[in-house]
Amino acid sequence: MRKHILFILIILSLVSLSCRSTKPVLVGSNSTAEDIPSTDKYRLVWHGDASSEITIAWDQKRGSDPVVFYGTEDEGQDWEGYPSSQKPTRNTSGYRGMNTCFARLTGLKPDQVYYFIIKDSESVGPRYWFRTAPDKAKAFTFIAGGDSKSSGTSLQATRLSKRMVAKLRPLFIIFNGDFCSGNGTNDDDWKQWLHDWETLTTSADGRMYPIMPVHGNHENGDKTVLNKLFDVPHQGDSEENIYYSMSVGGDFFHVIALDSEIEEGGDQRQWLENELKSHEYFTFKAAGYHKPFRPHTAGKSEQDYQMEQWAGLFYRYGLDISMDGDSHMSKITFPIRPDDGPGSFQGFIRDDKNGTMYIGEGSWGVSPRENNDDKPWTLRSGSFNQIKWLQVFPDSEEKPAHIDIRTVITASEDEDENLISHVEKVAALSEDNVFAIPANIDLYSTEPYGPVISYPFSE
């Protein structure tokens, strides 16, 4: 009898310890090991005030009554230990073959770590964590990129760039369109992309990174897809009008997500002008969209109408950084402004004092196109898989506010078009120093500027 009692006590002790594990824990009597967890494809989404709000999204594969439990202390998977909870605020059941749930968390503290789990009727999901944005000027990093694919070597390159996110530990990522192959209506492609996002961009300690998704031409099969899979806001009555913005650090940094696949004039232009004007006093302003005004590969069309609608507003209200994609290569321009006068080229002229720096042009994972259409105001360009890594600094005694921009090569191809990884040997950054340059990272460098380009720019 004593042996039986001792055995039961040991089992109860092990169960108690497992509640603190970072591995999924069974809570449903009918669950099996294969059913754990009943939630997956987690992603975090930012818009609005990133210092106090975040959306947690996931696919509810099985089970019912999911609840996000969260708090500032790590309680592992002991859901009862978390002081706050949130039921889904929206779901898009059945869309793209998933039961996507969204939980919008509000009233969060700025610049604060939050741990969270999702519990439902069948299981408790893995413990992840995130950091809210600061509400005052403070240095941070973010990643900009776009254009990924769903098969072949392009899929492998896409996954390498996602793995680089986990190593660089940015505050957030702006993804400038073209998530999957095709026209954005293949359910399996979206499931794969979202599964990879959770499993590959999450750091080893469970930190996840919010995304700002931008609409690209490969989402044109359903222009509501970003609203239904990421819960980003749309403007007006149409769920296709997906353009929005986010602020970081109070009046320090404002970033705008635009849509180059719908009417760039009209309502979107008016909204953009209002956004730029109302945030004109911010230290830095940036915009992300898919199609570049002036592509740096000859096979892509010039976007004259888009430039006519937006470039003048960028200059008038002092947009600092413009981020684009679509062309499947890499570029950084000198600061430029719209101008058709002497010395201009394709409607732009260099203006180091007041111009906007344009960076892009995609190739997160797709096979790079030839870099064969540079301009007189092109500062740096190349052809490889890459992401842009930006470190944003406020004023200090040593240096005025500035943005350091680095082009991180994540993959390339040899003469036989075999994929070469530039990620495997890169050392992962620690939470204590996300501004370090990790060992073995491959940064694109050209003379005389070296691997980093700073904005404001000076020779």
Protein backbone atom coordinates (compact mmCIF):
# COMPACT_ATOMS: atom_id res chain seq x y z
CA MET A 1 0.00 0.00 0.00
CA ARG A 2 2.80 2.40 0.92
CA LYS A 3 4.48 1.69 -2.42
CA HIS A 4 1.27 2.60 -4.25
CA ILE A 5 0.95 5.84 -2.31
CA LEU A 6 4.59 6.70 -2.97
CA PHE A 7 4.10 5.99 -6.68
CA ILE A 8 1.05 8.29 -6.83
CA LEU A 9 2.94 11.09 -5.04
CA ILE A 10 5.80 10.82 -7.52
CA ILE A 11 3.39 11.03 -10.46
CA LEU A 12 1.64 14.09 -8.96
CA SER A 13 5.00 15.75 -8.40
CA LEU A 14 6.01 15.19 -12.02
CA VAL A 15 2.72 16.61 -13.27
CA SER A 16 3.21 19.70 -11.10
CA LEU A 17 6.70 20.24 -12.47
CA SER A 18 5.49 19.84 -16.04
CA CYS A 19 3.26 22.92 -15.62
CA ARG A 20 6.44 24.99 -15.58
CA SER A 21 7.85 23.35 -18.70
CA THR A 22 8.12 25.30 -21.97
CA LYS A 23 6.85 22.22 -23.79
CA PRO A 24 3.12 21.76 -24.45
CA VAL A 25 1.11 20.18 -21.64
CA LEU A 26 -2.00 17.99 -21.98
CA VAL A 27 -5.13 19.32 -20.33
CA GLY A 28 -7.83 17.33 -22.14
CA SER A 29 -8.58 13.80 -21.04
CA ASN A 30 -9.08 12.56 -24.61
CA SER A 31 -5.94 14.11 -26.07
CA THR A 32 -3.02 12.13 -27.40
CA ALA A 33 0.64 13.04 -27.85
CA GLU A 34 0.00 13.72 -31.55
CA ASP A 35 -2.67 16.28 -30.66
CA ILE A 36 -0.32 18.59 -28.79
CA PRO A 37 -0.76 21.49 -29.21
CA SER A 38 -4.18 22.17 -30.72
CA THR A 39 -2.99 25.64 -31.79
CA ASP A 40 -0.21 26.60 -34.18
CA LYS A 41 0.89 29.13 -36.84
CA TYR A 42 1.33 31.81 -34.18
CA ARG A 43 2.17 35.33 -35.29
CA LEU A 44 2.23 38.76 -33.64
CA VAL A 45 0.94 41.80 -35.50
CA TRP A 46 1.50 45.50 -34.85
CA HIS A 47 -0.46 48.55 -35.91
CA GLY A 48 -1.52 51.70 -34.08
CA ASP A 49 0.27 52.25 -30.76
CA ALA A 50 2.90 49.53 -30.49
CA SER A 51 3.77 50.58 -26.94
CA SER A 52 0.42 49.44 -25.52
CA GLU A 53 -1.25 47.10 -28.05
CA ILE A 54 -0.54 43.91 -29.95
CA THR A 55 -2.52 41.26 -31.83
CA ILE A 56 -1.79 37.59 -31.22
CA ALA A 57 -3.02 35.42 -34.10
CA TRP A 58 -3.08 31.63 -34.45
CA ASP A 59 -4.77 28.69 -36.16
CA GLN A 60 -7.16 26.90 -33.81
CA LYS A 61 -6.81 23.40 -35.28
CA ARG A 62 -8.82 21.58 -32.63
CA GLY A 63 -10.48 22.20 -29.32
CA SER A 64 -12.71 25.05 -28.22
CA ASP A 65 -12.82 28.07 -25.90
CA PRO A 66 -9.24 29.29 -26.45
CA VAL A 67 -7.93 31.96 -24.10
CA VAL A 68 -4.64 33.88 -24.18
CA PHE A 69 -3.12 34.09 -20.70
CA TYR A 70 -0.33 36.64 -20.29
CA GLY A 71 1.75 38.68 -17.88
CA THR A 72 5.13 40.25 -17.22
CA GLU A 73 6.48 37.27 -15.26
CA ASP A 74 7.35 33.94 -16.86
CA GLU A 75 4.94 31.36 -15.48
CA GLY A 76 5.84 28.78 -18.11
CA GLN A 77 2.68 26.89 -19.01
CA ASP A 78 1.01 27.37 -15.64
CA TRP A 79 -1.91 29.30 -17.12
CA GLU A 80 -3.37 30.00 -13.69
CA GLY A 81 -0.21 31.92 -12.78
CA TYR A 82 -0.73 34.65 -15.39
CA PRO A 83 -2.63 37.69 -14.12
CA SER A 84 -4.31 38.68 -17.41
CA SER A 85 -6.32 36.87 -20.05
CA GLN A 86 -8.00 37.62 -23.35
CA LYS A 87 -10.48 35.60 -25.38
CA PRO A 88 -10.39 35.93 -29.17
CA THR A 89 -11.67 39.30 -30.30
CA ARG A 90 -12.22 38.04 -33.86
CA ASN A 91 -11.89 34.89 -35.96
CA THR A 92 -12.00 34.07 -39.66
CA SER A 93 -13.12 30.47 -39.43
CA GLY A 94 -12.55 28.41 -42.58
CA TYR A 95 -10.67 31.14 -44.43
CA ARG A 96 -7.69 29.73 -46.39
CA GLY A 97 -8.39 26.35 -44.75
CA MET A 98 -7.66 27.58 -41.22
CA ASN A 99 -9.62 28.65 -38.16
CA THR A 100 -7.68 31.84 -37.52
CA CYS A 101 -8.27 33.50 -34.16
CA PHE A 102 -7.15 36.98 -33.16
CA ALA A 103 -6.71 38.24 -29.61
CA ARG A 104 -6.10 41.99 -29.42
CA LEU A 105 -4.24 42.85 -26.21
CA THR A 106 -4.57 46.46 -25.03
CA GLY A 107 -3.48 48.47 -22.03
CA LEU A 108 0.04 46.99 -22.08
CA LYS A 109 3.00 48.72 -20.47
CA PRO A 110 5.57 50.28 -22.82
CA ASP A 111 9.00 48.73 -23.33
CA GLN A 112 7.95 45.71 -21.33
CA VAL A 113 8.42 41.97 -21.76
CA TYR A 114 5.20 39.92 -21.81
CA TYR A 115 4.95 36.14 -21.65
CA PHE A 116 1.91 34.36 -23.01
CA ILE A 117 0.33 30.97 -23.62
CA ILE A 118 -2.92 29.88 -25.28
CA LYS A 119 -5.08 27.35 -23.43
CA ASP A 120 -8.15 25.69 -24.91
CA SER A 121 -10.30 22.67 -24.13
CA GLU A 122 -7.61 20.25 -25.32
CA SER A 123 -4.16 21.63 -24.57
CA VAL A 124 -1.90 24.41 -23.45
CA GLY A 125 0.27 25.76 -26.23
CA PRO A 126 3.97 26.69 -26.01
CA ARG A 127 5.07 29.65 -23.91
CA TYR A 128 6.26 32.55 -26.03
CA TRP A 129 7.12 36.15 -25.22
CA PHE A 130 7.40 39.57 -26.86
CA ARG A 131 8.48 43.09 -26.01
CA THR A 132 6.25 46.13 -26.42
CA ALA A 133 7.64 49.24 -28.08
CA PRO A 134 8.95 52.12 -25.97
CA ASP A 135 6.72 55.19 -25.57
CA LYS A 136 9.63 57.61 -25.70
CA ALA A 137 12.72 57.99 -27.86
CA LYS A 138 14.93 54.94 -27.41
CA ALA A 139 17.23 53.04 -29.76
CA PHE A 140 15.74 49.98 -31.47
CA THR A 141 16.27 47.78 -34.52
CA PHE A 142 13.90 46.49 -37.16
CA ILE A 143 14.01 44.43 -40.35
CA ALA A 144 12.54 45.35 -43.74
CA GLY A 145 12.14 42.91 -46.61
CA GLY A 146 9.71 41.16 -48.88
CA ASP A 147 9.15 38.71 -51.75
CA SER A 148 9.17 35.07 -50.70
CA LYS A 149 8.08 31.89 -52.45
CA SER A 150 6.51 28.53 -51.69
CA SER A 151 8.65 25.88 -53.38
CA GLY A 152 12.11 24.86 -54.60
CA THR A 153 15.29 26.73 -53.81
CA SER A 154 13.27 29.94 -53.37
CA LEU A 155 11.43 28.34 -50.46
CA GLN A 156 14.75 27.31 -48.93
CA ALA A 157 16.07 30.87 -49.32
CA THR A 158 12.83 32.21 -47.78
CA ARG A 159 13.41 30.01 -44.77
CA LEU A 160 17.00 31.21 -44.41
CA SER A 161 15.85 34.83 -44.20
CA LYS A 162 13.25 33.87 -41.61
CA ARG A 163 15.95 32.17 -39.55
CA MET A 164 18.03 35.36 -39.73
CA VAL A 165 15.19 37.23 -38.01
CA ALA A 166 15.50 34.94 -34.99
CA LYS A 167 19.24 35.63 -34.81
CA LEU A 168 19.04 39.43 -35.12
CA ARG A 169 16.21 39.93 -32.57
CA PRO A 170 14.58 43.05 -34.10
CA LEU A 171 11.81 44.99 -32.40
CA PHE A 172 9.59 44.25 -35.42
CA ILE A 173 9.59 43.33 -39.12
CA ILE A 174 7.90 45.13 -41.99
CA PHE A 175 7.25 42.63 -44.78
CA ASN A 176 6.73 44.50 -48.03
CA GLY A 177 4.48 42.09 -49.91
CA ASP A 178 4.52 38.85 -51.94
CA PHE A 179 4.30 36.22 -49.24
CA CYS A 180 3.58 33.11 -51.34
CA SER A 181 3.80 31.89 -54.92
CA GLY A 182 0.78 32.38 -57.19
CA ASN A 183 -1.95 34.92 -56.51
CA GLY A 184 -2.36 34.46 -52.76
CA THR A 185 -5.25 31.99 -52.85
CA ASN A 186 -3.44 28.69 -52.29
CA ASP A 187 -4.39 27.46 -48.81
CA ASP A 188 -1.42 25.13 -48.41
CA ASP A 189 1.06 27.87 -49.34
CA TRP A 190 -0.32 30.16 -46.64
CA LYS A 191 -0.32 27.37 -44.07
CA GLN A 192 3.33 26.67 -44.88
CA TRP A 193 4.34 30.35 -44.75
CA LEU A 194 2.64 30.91 -41.40
CA HIS A 195 3.99 27.67 -39.91
CA ASP A 196 7.50 28.64 -40.99
CA TRP A 197 7.05 32.14 -39.58
CA GLU A 198 6.28 30.77 -36.13
CA THR A 199 8.92 28.07 -36.07
CA LEU A 200 11.80 29.85 -37.83
CA THR A 201 11.57 33.53 -36.78
CA THR A 202 11.08 32.72 -33.08
CA SER A 203 14.33 32.87 -31.12
CA ALA A 204 15.58 29.92 -29.10
CA ASP A 205 14.35 31.49 -25.84
CA GLY A 206 10.79 31.82 -27.19
CA ARG A 207 10.85 35.48 -28.16
CA MET A 208 8.51 36.30 -31.05
CA TYR A 209 8.65 39.43 -33.23
CA PRO A 210 5.66 41.45 -34.47
CA ILE A 211 5.12 41.82 -38.19
CA MET A 212 3.70 44.72 -40.20
CA PRO A 213 2.39 42.98 -43.36
CA VAL A 214 2.15 44.92 -46.65
CA HIS A 215 0.08 43.93 -49.69
CA GLY A 216 1.98 42.81 -52.82
CA ASN A 217 0.94 41.78 -56.31
CA HIS A 218 1.08 38.08 -55.36
CA GLU A 219 -1.78 38.77 -52.96
CA ASN A 220 -3.99 40.18 -55.72
CA GLY A 221 -6.10 37.01 -56.00
CA ASP A 222 -7.78 38.13 -52.77
CA LYS A 223 -7.02 41.67 -51.71
CA THR A 224 -8.62 41.10 -48.31
CA VAL A 225 -6.09 38.41 -47.33
CA LEU A 226 -3.95 40.52 -44.99
CA ASN A 227 -7.00 41.66 -43.08
CA LYS A 228 -8.26 38.10 -42.70
CA LEU A 229 -4.94 36.45 -41.85
CA PHE A 230 -3.25 39.24 -39.86
CA ASP A 231 -6.19 41.42 -38.74
CA VAL A 232 -4.52 44.60 -40.01
CA PRO A 233 -7.00 47.45 -40.45
CA HIS A 234 -8.58 48.57 -43.69
CA GLN A 235 -9.68 52.08 -44.52
CA GLY A 236 -13.31 52.88 -45.27
CA ASP A 237 -15.88 50.20 -46.01
CA SER A 238 -13.75 48.02 -48.29
CA GLU A 239 -11.58 45.30 -46.75
CA GLU A 240 -9.34 45.68 -49.83
CA ASN A 241 -8.16 49.16 -48.79
CA ILE A 242 -5.40 47.89 -46.53
CA TYR A 243 -3.11 50.74 -45.59
CA TYR A 244 -2.34 51.73 -42.03
CA SER A 245 0.42 52.99 -39.72
CA MET A 246 2.26 52.47 -36.44
CA SER A 247 4.32 54.61 -34.05
CA VAL A 248 7.32 53.68 -31.92
CA GLY A 249 8.79 55.78 -29.14
CA GLY A 250 6.16 58.49 -28.78
CA ASP A 251 7.01 61.10 -31.41
CA PHE A 252 10.29 59.40 -32.33
CA PHE A 253 9.43 57.06 -35.24
CA HIS A 254 6.35 56.64 -37.44
CA VAL A 255 6.02 53.97 -40.13
CA ILE A 256 3.29 53.81 -42.78
CA ALA A 257 2.19 50.68 -44.69
CA LEU A 258 0.86 51.59 -48.16
CA ASP A 259 -0.76 49.51 -50.91
CA SER A 260 0.68 49.84 -54.42
CA GLU A 261 -1.82 47.27 -55.79
CA ILE A 262 -4.92 49.43 -55.47
CA GLU A 263 -5.62 53.04 -56.49
CA GLU A 264 -2.61 55.03 -55.25
CA GLY A 265 -4.41 58.34 -55.73
CA GLY A 266 -7.82 59.34 -54.48
CA ASP A 267 -8.64 58.17 -50.98
CA GLN A 268 -5.26 56.51 -50.37
CA ARG A 269 -3.36 59.63 -51.41
CA GLN A 270 -5.51 61.80 -49.18
CA TRP A 271 -5.03 59.40 -46.28
CA LEU A 272 -1.26 59.38 -46.87
CA GLU A 273 -1.11 63.18 -46.87
CA ASN A 274 -3.08 63.33 -43.63
CA GLU A 275 -0.75 60.74 -42.05
CA LEU A 276 2.41 62.55 -43.10
CA LYS A 277 1.09 65.95 -42.11
CA SER A 278 -0.13 64.85 -38.68
CA HIS A 279 3.24 63.17 -37.94
CA GLU A 280 5.45 65.79 -39.59
CA TYR A 281 7.05 66.67 -36.25
CA PHE A 282 8.28 63.10 -35.60
CA THR A 283 12.04 62.60 -35.59
CA PHE A 284 11.84 59.92 -38.28
CA LYS A 285 9.13 58.87 -40.73
CA ALA A 286 9.24 55.79 -42.96
CA ALA A 287 6.89 54.13 -45.45
CA GLY A 288 6.71 50.58 -46.77
CA TYR A 289 4.97 49.39 -49.94
CA HIS A 290 5.54 46.79 -52.63
CA LYS A 291 6.32 48.23 -56.06
CA PRO A 292 9.27 50.65 -56.33
CA PHE A 293 8.84 53.89 -58.23
CA ARG A 294 12.06 53.28 -60.15
CA PRO A 295 13.04 49.57 -60.26
CA HIS A 296 16.71 48.65 -60.47
CA THR A 297 16.19 45.71 -62.80
CA ALA A 298 15.36 46.39 -66.45
CA GLY A 299 12.51 43.87 -66.70
CA LYS A 300 10.30 45.80 -64.29
CA SER A 301 8.08 48.70 -65.35
CA GLU A 302 8.51 52.27 -64.16
CA GLN A 303 5.70 53.28 -61.80
CA ASP A 304 5.07 56.82 -63.06
CA TYR A 305 1.53 57.19 -61.69
CA GLN A 306 2.45 55.84 -58.26
CA MET A 307 5.41 58.20 -58.12
CA GLU A 308 3.19 61.11 -59.14
CA GLN A 309 0.79 60.35 -56.29
CA TRP A 310 3.27 59.69 -53.48
CA ALA A 311 6.78 61.02 -54.11
CA GLY A 312 5.82 64.68 -53.84
CA LEU A 313 4.13 64.02 -50.48
CA PHE A 314 7.19 62.13 -49.26
CA TYR A 315 9.33 65.20 -49.98
CA ARG A 316 6.86 67.84 -48.80
CA TYR A 317 6.40 66.28 -45.38
CA GLY A 318 9.93 64.98 -44.92
CA LEU A 319 9.69 61.20 -45.26
CA ASP A 320 13.13 59.86 -44.34
CA ILE A 321 13.13 56.21 -45.46
CA SER A 322 11.06 54.53 -48.18
CA MET A 323 11.03 50.72 -48.26
CA ASP A 324 9.87 48.67 -51.27
CA GLY A 325 10.19 45.23 -52.89
CA ASP A 326 8.99 43.45 -56.06
CA SER A 327 12.17 43.59 -58.19
CA HIS A 328 13.98 40.71 -56.43
CA MET A 329 17.32 42.39 -55.87
CA SER A 330 18.89 44.95 -53.55
CA LYS A 331 19.25 48.74 -53.69
CA ILE A 332 19.89 51.78 -51.54
CA THR A 333 19.71 55.26 -53.06
CA PHE A 334 21.25 58.50 -52.02
CA PRO A 335 18.64 60.82 -50.50
CA ILE A 336 16.62 62.08 -53.48
CA ARG A 337 13.67 64.36 -54.16
CA PRO A 338 11.26 64.69 -57.09
CA ASP A 339 12.65 67.06 -59.71
CA ASP A 340 12.42 67.34 -63.51
CA GLY A 341 15.02 70.08 -63.85
CA PRO A 342 18.65 70.02 -65.01
CA GLY A 343 20.66 67.21 -63.46
CA SER A 344 17.62 65.07 -62.62
CA PHE A 345 17.07 61.55 -63.87
CA GLN A 346 13.72 59.77 -64.19
CA GLY A 347 12.11 62.54 -62.16
CA PHE A 348 14.54 62.47 -59.20
CA ILE A 349 17.62 64.42 -58.20
CA ARG A 350 20.01 63.84 -55.33
CA ASP A 351 19.36 65.95 -52.23
CA ASP A 352 21.43 64.86 -49.23
CA LYS A 353 19.86 67.48 -46.96
CA ASN A 354 16.13 67.08 -47.59
CA GLY A 355 15.70 63.98 -49.75
CA THR A 356 14.21 60.56 -49.00
CA MET A 357 16.43 57.48 -49.03
CA TYR A 358 14.82 54.61 -50.99
CA ILE A 359 15.78 51.08 -49.97
CA GLY A 360 14.58 47.62 -51.19
CA GLU A 361 13.85 45.86 -53.56
CA GLY A 362 12.71 42.55 -52.14
CA SER A 363 14.45 39.17 -52.64
CA TRP A 364 13.69 37.85 -49.13
CA GLY A 365 13.53 34.42 -50.72
CA VAL A 366 12.78 34.55 -54.45
CA SER A 367 15.48 33.90 -57.02
CA PRO A 368 17.21 37.27 -57.52
CA ARG A 369 16.89 39.15 -60.79
CA GLU A 370 19.76 40.82 -62.60
CA ASN A 371 20.94 44.14 -61.19
CA ASN A 372 21.07 46.01 -64.51
CA ASP A 373 19.22 49.32 -64.15
CA ASP A 374 21.13 51.59 -61.76
CA LYS A 375 20.54 55.34 -61.75
CA PRO A 376 22.90 58.28 -61.23
CA TRP A 377 21.48 58.58 -57.71
CA THR A 378 21.90 54.87 -56.85
CA LEU A 379 24.23 54.50 -53.90
CA ARG A 380 24.45 50.69 -53.71
CA SER A 381 22.84 47.74 -55.50
CA GLY A 382 23.33 44.01 -55.98
CA SER A 383 21.70 40.69 -56.79
CA PHE A 384 21.26 38.14 -53.96
CA ASN A 385 18.75 37.17 -51.27
CA GLN A 386 18.76 39.83 -48.60
CA ILE A 387 16.98 41.73 -45.84
CA LYS A 388 17.53 45.28 -44.64
CA TRP A 389 18.56 45.61 -41.00
CA LEU A 390 17.97 49.10 -39.59
CA GLN A 391 19.25 50.39 -36.26
CA VAL A 392 17.43 53.56 -35.19
CA PHE A 393 19.10 55.88 -32.65
CA PRO A 394 17.77 59.02 -30.91
CA ASP A 395 19.85 62.11 -30.17
CA SER A 396 22.79 61.55 -27.85
CA GLU A 397 25.80 63.49 -26.64
CA GLU A 398 27.96 61.60 -29.11
CA LYS A 399 25.79 61.82 -32.23
CA PRO A 400 22.51 63.29 -33.47
CA ALA A 401 19.53 61.01 -34.19
CA HIS A 402 20.30 58.71 -37.10
CA ILE A 403 19.44 55.40 -38.76
CA ASP A 404 22.13 52.87 -39.67
CA ILE A 405 21.13 50.68 -42.62
CA ARG A 406 22.80 47.36 -43.37
CA THR A 407 22.07 44.92 -46.18
CA VAL A 408 22.25 41.39 -44.78
CA ILE A 409 22.93 38.69 -47.38
CA THR A 410 20.97 35.58 -46.42
CA ALA A 411 21.51 33.41 -49.51
CA SER A 412 23.13 33.47 -52.93
CA GLU A 413 23.57 31.11 -55.89
CA ASP A 414 26.72 29.63 -57.34
CA GLU A 415 27.46 29.29 -61.07
CA ASP A 416 25.28 26.18 -61.24
CA GLU A 417 22.39 27.96 -59.47
CA ASN A 418 22.88 25.94 -56.29
CA LEU A 419 21.74 27.77 -53.17
CA ILE A 420 24.43 28.94 -50.76
CA SER A 421 23.39 29.70 -47.18
CA HIS A 422 24.77 32.82 -45.49
CA VAL A 423 22.90 32.12 -42.25
CA GLU A 424 24.19 28.86 -40.80
CA LYS A 425 27.36 30.24 -39.21
CA VAL A 426 25.95 33.59 -38.06
CA ALA A 427 26.06 33.95 -34.27
CA ALA A 428 22.72 34.74 -32.64
CA LEU A 429 22.52 38.04 -30.78
CA SER A 430 21.63 38.12 -27.10
CA GLU A 431 18.84 40.12 -25.52
CA ASP A 432 21.46 42.21 -23.74
CA ASN A 433 22.93 43.61 -26.94
CA VAL A 434 20.71 43.63 -30.01
CA PHE A 435 22.93 46.32 -31.57
CA ALA A 436 26.03 44.15 -31.82
CA ILE A 437 27.22 42.98 -35.22
CA PRO A 438 27.08 39.18 -34.95
CA ALA A 439 30.06 37.07 -35.84
CA ASN A 440 30.11 35.65 -39.37
CA ILE A 441 27.25 37.80 -40.67
CA ASP A 442 27.63 38.64 -44.37
CA LEU A 443 26.96 42.36 -44.86
CA TYR A 444 26.98 43.77 -48.37
CA SER A 445 29.74 46.35 -48.61
CA THR A 446 30.84 48.67 -51.40
CA GLU A 447 33.56 51.28 -51.54
CA PRO A 448 33.94 53.90 -50.29
CA TYR A 449 31.04 53.52 -47.84
CA GLY A 450 31.66 50.13 -46.25
CA PRO A 451 28.88 47.88 -44.89
CA VAL A 452 26.73 50.54 -43.20
CA ILE A 453 24.87 53.48 -44.75
CA SER A 454 23.67 56.13 -42.31
CA TYR A 455 20.72 58.48 -42.61
CA PRO A 456 20.97 61.50 -42.56
CA PHE A 457 23.60 60.89 -45.23
CA SER A 458 26.89 62.73 -45.62
CA GLU A 459 29.92 61.93 -47.73
